[in-house]
Amino acid sequence: MEIAPLSNMFVAEVSGINIAEPIEAATIDEIWSAIDRYAGLVFRDQQLSDAQLRDFADRFGPRS
């Protein structure tokens, strides 16, 4: 997975990951770090069902 800033480091593009598939905890931690650094993340060319999108988003609910 790669995270590259887009325009003035406000937003970053995340590539090299298929978010429709299960994601390892270490990768989730990397995405959390990017969420903390950037105002928005772009995941291009992803093909997700509603259930897959929900499952991905559920990984970023309240942190304990």
N, C-alpha and C. Protein backbone atom coordinates (compact mmCIF):
# COMPACT_ATOMS: atom_id res chain seq x y z
N MET A 1 0.85 -1.17 0.00
CA MET A 1 0.00 0.00 0.00
C MET A 1 0.89 1.23 0.00
N GLU A 2 0.49 2.22 -0.79
CA GLU A 2 1.19 3.50 -0.83
C GLU A 2 0.21 4.63 -0.55
N ILE A 3 0.70 5.65 0.15
CA ILE A 3 -0.10 6.83 0.44
C ILE A 3 0.66 8.03 -0.09
N ALA A 4 0.07 8.73 -1.06
CA ALA A 4 0.73 9.86 -1.71
C ALA A 4 -0.12 11.12 -1.56
N PRO A 5 0.48 12.19 -1.07
CA PRO A 5 -0.27 13.44 -0.91
C PRO A 5 -0.72 13.99 -2.27
N LEU A 6 -1.89 14.59 -2.27
CA LEU A 6 -2.42 15.28 -3.44
C LEU A 6 -2.63 16.75 -3.06
N SER A 7 -2.27 17.63 -3.92
CA SER A 7 -2.46 19.07 -3.79
C SER A 7 -2.34 19.61 -2.36
N ASN A 8 -1.21 20.15 -2.08
CA ASN A 8 -0.93 20.85 -0.82
C ASN A 8 -1.06 19.97 0.42
N MET A 9 -0.89 18.67 0.30
CA MET A 9 -0.89 17.77 1.44
C MET A 9 -2.21 17.77 2.23
N PHE A 10 -3.26 18.26 1.64
CA PHE A 10 -4.57 18.29 2.29
C PHE A 10 -5.28 16.95 2.15
N VAL A 11 -5.07 16.31 1.02
CA VAL A 11 -5.72 15.03 0.69
C VAL A 11 -4.62 14.08 0.20
N ALA A 12 -4.81 12.79 0.44
CA ALA A 12 -3.85 11.80 -0.05
C ALA A 12 -4.57 10.70 -0.80
N GLU A 13 -3.86 10.14 -1.77
CA GLU A 13 -4.37 9.00 -2.52
C GLU A 13 -3.75 7.73 -1.97
N VAL A 14 -4.60 6.74 -1.72
CA VAL A 14 -4.15 5.44 -1.23
C VAL A 14 -4.23 4.47 -2.40
N SER A 15 -3.12 3.82 -2.70
CA SER A 15 -3.10 2.88 -3.82
C SER A 15 -2.45 1.57 -3.37
N GLY A 16 -2.60 0.56 -4.23
CA GLY A 16 -1.99 -0.73 -3.93
C GLY A 16 -2.75 -1.54 -2.90
N ILE A 17 -4.04 -1.25 -2.77
CA ILE A 17 -4.87 -1.98 -1.81
C ILE A 17 -6.25 -2.18 -2.41
N ASN A 18 -6.81 -3.34 -2.17
CA ASN A 18 -8.19 -3.63 -2.57
C ASN A 18 -9.03 -3.65 -1.30
N ILE A 19 -9.80 -2.59 -1.10
CA ILE A 19 -10.55 -2.48 0.15
C ILE A 19 -11.81 -3.35 0.16
N ALA A 20 -12.06 -4.06 -0.93
CA ALA A 20 -13.16 -5.02 -0.95
C ALA A 20 -12.77 -6.32 -0.25
N GLU A 21 -11.48 -6.53 -0.07
CA GLU A 21 -10.96 -7.74 0.57
C GLU A 21 -10.69 -7.47 2.06
N PRO A 22 -10.62 -8.53 2.87
CA PRO A 22 -10.24 -8.34 4.27
C PRO A 22 -8.86 -7.68 4.36
N ILE A 23 -8.70 -6.81 5.35
CA ILE A 23 -7.46 -6.04 5.49
C ILE A 23 -6.84 -6.37 6.85
N GLU A 24 -5.53 -6.57 6.85
CA GLU A 24 -4.81 -6.89 8.08
C GLU A 24 -4.80 -5.70 9.04
N ALA A 25 -4.68 -5.99 10.31
CA ALA A 25 -4.70 -4.96 11.35
C ALA A 25 -3.59 -3.93 11.14
N ALA A 26 -2.41 -4.36 10.73
CA ALA A 26 -1.29 -3.42 10.51
C ALA A 26 -1.62 -2.42 9.40
N THR A 27 -2.32 -2.88 8.37
CA THR A 27 -2.72 -1.99 7.28
C THR A 27 -3.77 -1.01 7.76
N ILE A 28 -4.69 -1.47 8.59
CA ILE A 28 -5.70 -0.57 9.18
C ILE A 28 -4.99 0.51 9.99
N ASP A 29 -3.96 0.13 10.74
CA ASP A 29 -3.19 1.12 11.51
C ASP A 29 -2.55 2.16 10.60
N GLU A 30 -2.03 1.73 9.44
CA GLU A 30 -1.44 2.67 8.49
C GLU A 30 -2.49 3.63 7.95
N ILE A 31 -3.68 3.11 7.67
CA ILE A 31 -4.76 3.96 7.17
C ILE A 31 -5.18 4.94 8.26
N TRP A 32 -5.25 4.49 9.52
CA TRP A 32 -5.56 5.40 10.64
C TRP A 32 -4.54 6.53 10.71
N SER A 33 -3.28 6.21 10.53
CA SER A 33 -2.24 7.25 10.56
C SER A 33 -2.46 8.26 9.44
N ALA A 34 -2.85 7.78 8.27
CA ALA A 34 -3.14 8.69 7.16
C ALA A 34 -4.38 9.54 7.45
N ILE A 35 -5.37 8.95 8.09
CA ILE A 35 -6.58 9.70 8.47
C ILE A 35 -6.20 10.82 9.44
N ASP A 36 -5.28 10.53 10.35
CA ASP A 36 -4.83 11.54 11.31
C ASP A 36 -4.04 12.66 10.64
N ARG A 37 -3.36 12.34 9.54
CA ARG A 37 -2.50 13.32 8.87
C ARG A 37 -3.22 14.15 7.82
N TYR A 38 -4.15 13.54 7.09
CA TYR A 38 -4.81 14.19 5.96
C TYR A 38 -6.29 14.41 6.24
N ALA A 39 -6.85 15.44 5.61
CA ALA A 39 -8.28 15.73 5.78
C ALA A 39 -9.15 14.74 5.02
N GLY A 40 -8.60 14.12 4.00
CA GLY A 40 -9.36 13.15 3.22
C GLY A 40 -8.45 12.17 2.53
N LEU A 41 -8.95 10.97 2.31
CA LEU A 41 -8.20 9.94 1.59
C LEU A 41 -9.00 9.53 0.36
N VAL A 42 -8.31 9.30 -0.75
CA VAL A 42 -8.93 8.88 -1.99
C VAL A 42 -8.48 7.44 -2.27
N PHE A 43 -9.45 6.56 -2.44
CA PHE A 43 -9.21 5.17 -2.83
C PHE A 43 -9.80 5.02 -4.22
N ARG A 44 -8.97 5.11 -5.25
CA ARG A 44 -9.47 5.07 -6.64
C ARG A 44 -9.74 3.64 -7.11
N ASP A 45 -10.68 3.57 -8.06
CA ASP A 45 -10.97 2.33 -8.80
C ASP A 45 -11.31 1.15 -7.91
N GLN A 46 -12.06 1.39 -6.88
CA GLN A 46 -12.51 0.31 -5.99
C GLN A 46 -13.91 -0.13 -6.42
N GLN A 47 -14.16 -1.42 -6.42
CA GLN A 47 -15.46 -1.98 -6.77
C GLN A 47 -15.99 -2.70 -5.54
N LEU A 48 -16.89 -2.03 -4.81
CA LEU A 48 -17.41 -2.60 -3.56
C LEU A 48 -18.92 -2.71 -3.59
N SER A 49 -19.41 -3.78 -3.01
CA SER A 49 -20.84 -3.89 -2.77
C SER A 49 -21.17 -3.03 -1.55
N ASP A 50 -22.43 -2.82 -1.29
CA ASP A 50 -22.82 -2.08 -0.09
C ASP A 50 -22.27 -2.76 1.17
N ALA A 51 -22.34 -4.08 1.21
CA ALA A 51 -21.85 -4.82 2.38
C ALA A 51 -20.34 -4.67 2.54
N GLN A 52 -19.59 -4.71 1.44
CA GLN A 52 -18.14 -4.56 1.51
C GLN A 52 -17.77 -3.15 1.99
N LEU A 53 -18.47 -2.15 1.50
CA LEU A 53 -18.22 -0.78 1.94
C LEU A 53 -18.51 -0.63 3.43
N ARG A 54 -19.61 -1.21 3.87
CA ARG A 54 -19.96 -1.17 5.30
C ARG A 54 -18.90 -1.86 6.14
N ASP A 55 -18.44 -3.03 5.69
CA ASP A 55 -17.41 -3.76 6.43
C ASP A 55 -16.11 -2.95 6.52
N PHE A 56 -15.73 -2.31 5.42
CA PHE A 56 -14.52 -1.48 5.43
C PHE A 56 -14.70 -0.29 6.39
N ALA A 57 -15.81 0.40 6.28
CA ALA A 57 -16.07 1.57 7.12
C ALA A 57 -16.16 1.19 8.59
N ASP A 58 -16.68 0.01 8.89
CA ASP A 58 -16.79 -0.45 10.29
C ASP A 58 -15.43 -0.53 10.97
N ARG A 59 -14.36 -0.72 10.19
CA ARG A 59 -13.01 -0.79 10.76
C ARG A 59 -12.55 0.56 11.28
N PHE A 60 -13.29 1.61 10.95
CA PHE A 60 -12.89 2.97 11.33
C PHE A 60 -13.92 3.64 12.21
N GLY A 61 -14.67 2.82 12.95
CA GLY A 61 -15.61 3.35 13.93
C GLY A 61 -14.85 3.90 15.12
N PRO A 62 -15.50 4.07 16.24
CA PRO A 62 -14.84 4.62 17.42
C PRO A 62 -13.60 3.81 17.80
N ARG A 63 -12.52 4.51 18.07
CA ARG A 63 -11.28 3.85 18.50
C ARG A 63 -11.31 3.66 20.01
N SER A 64 -10.83 2.52 20.44
CA SER A 64 -10.79 2.27 21.89
C SER A 64 -9.42 2.52 22.45
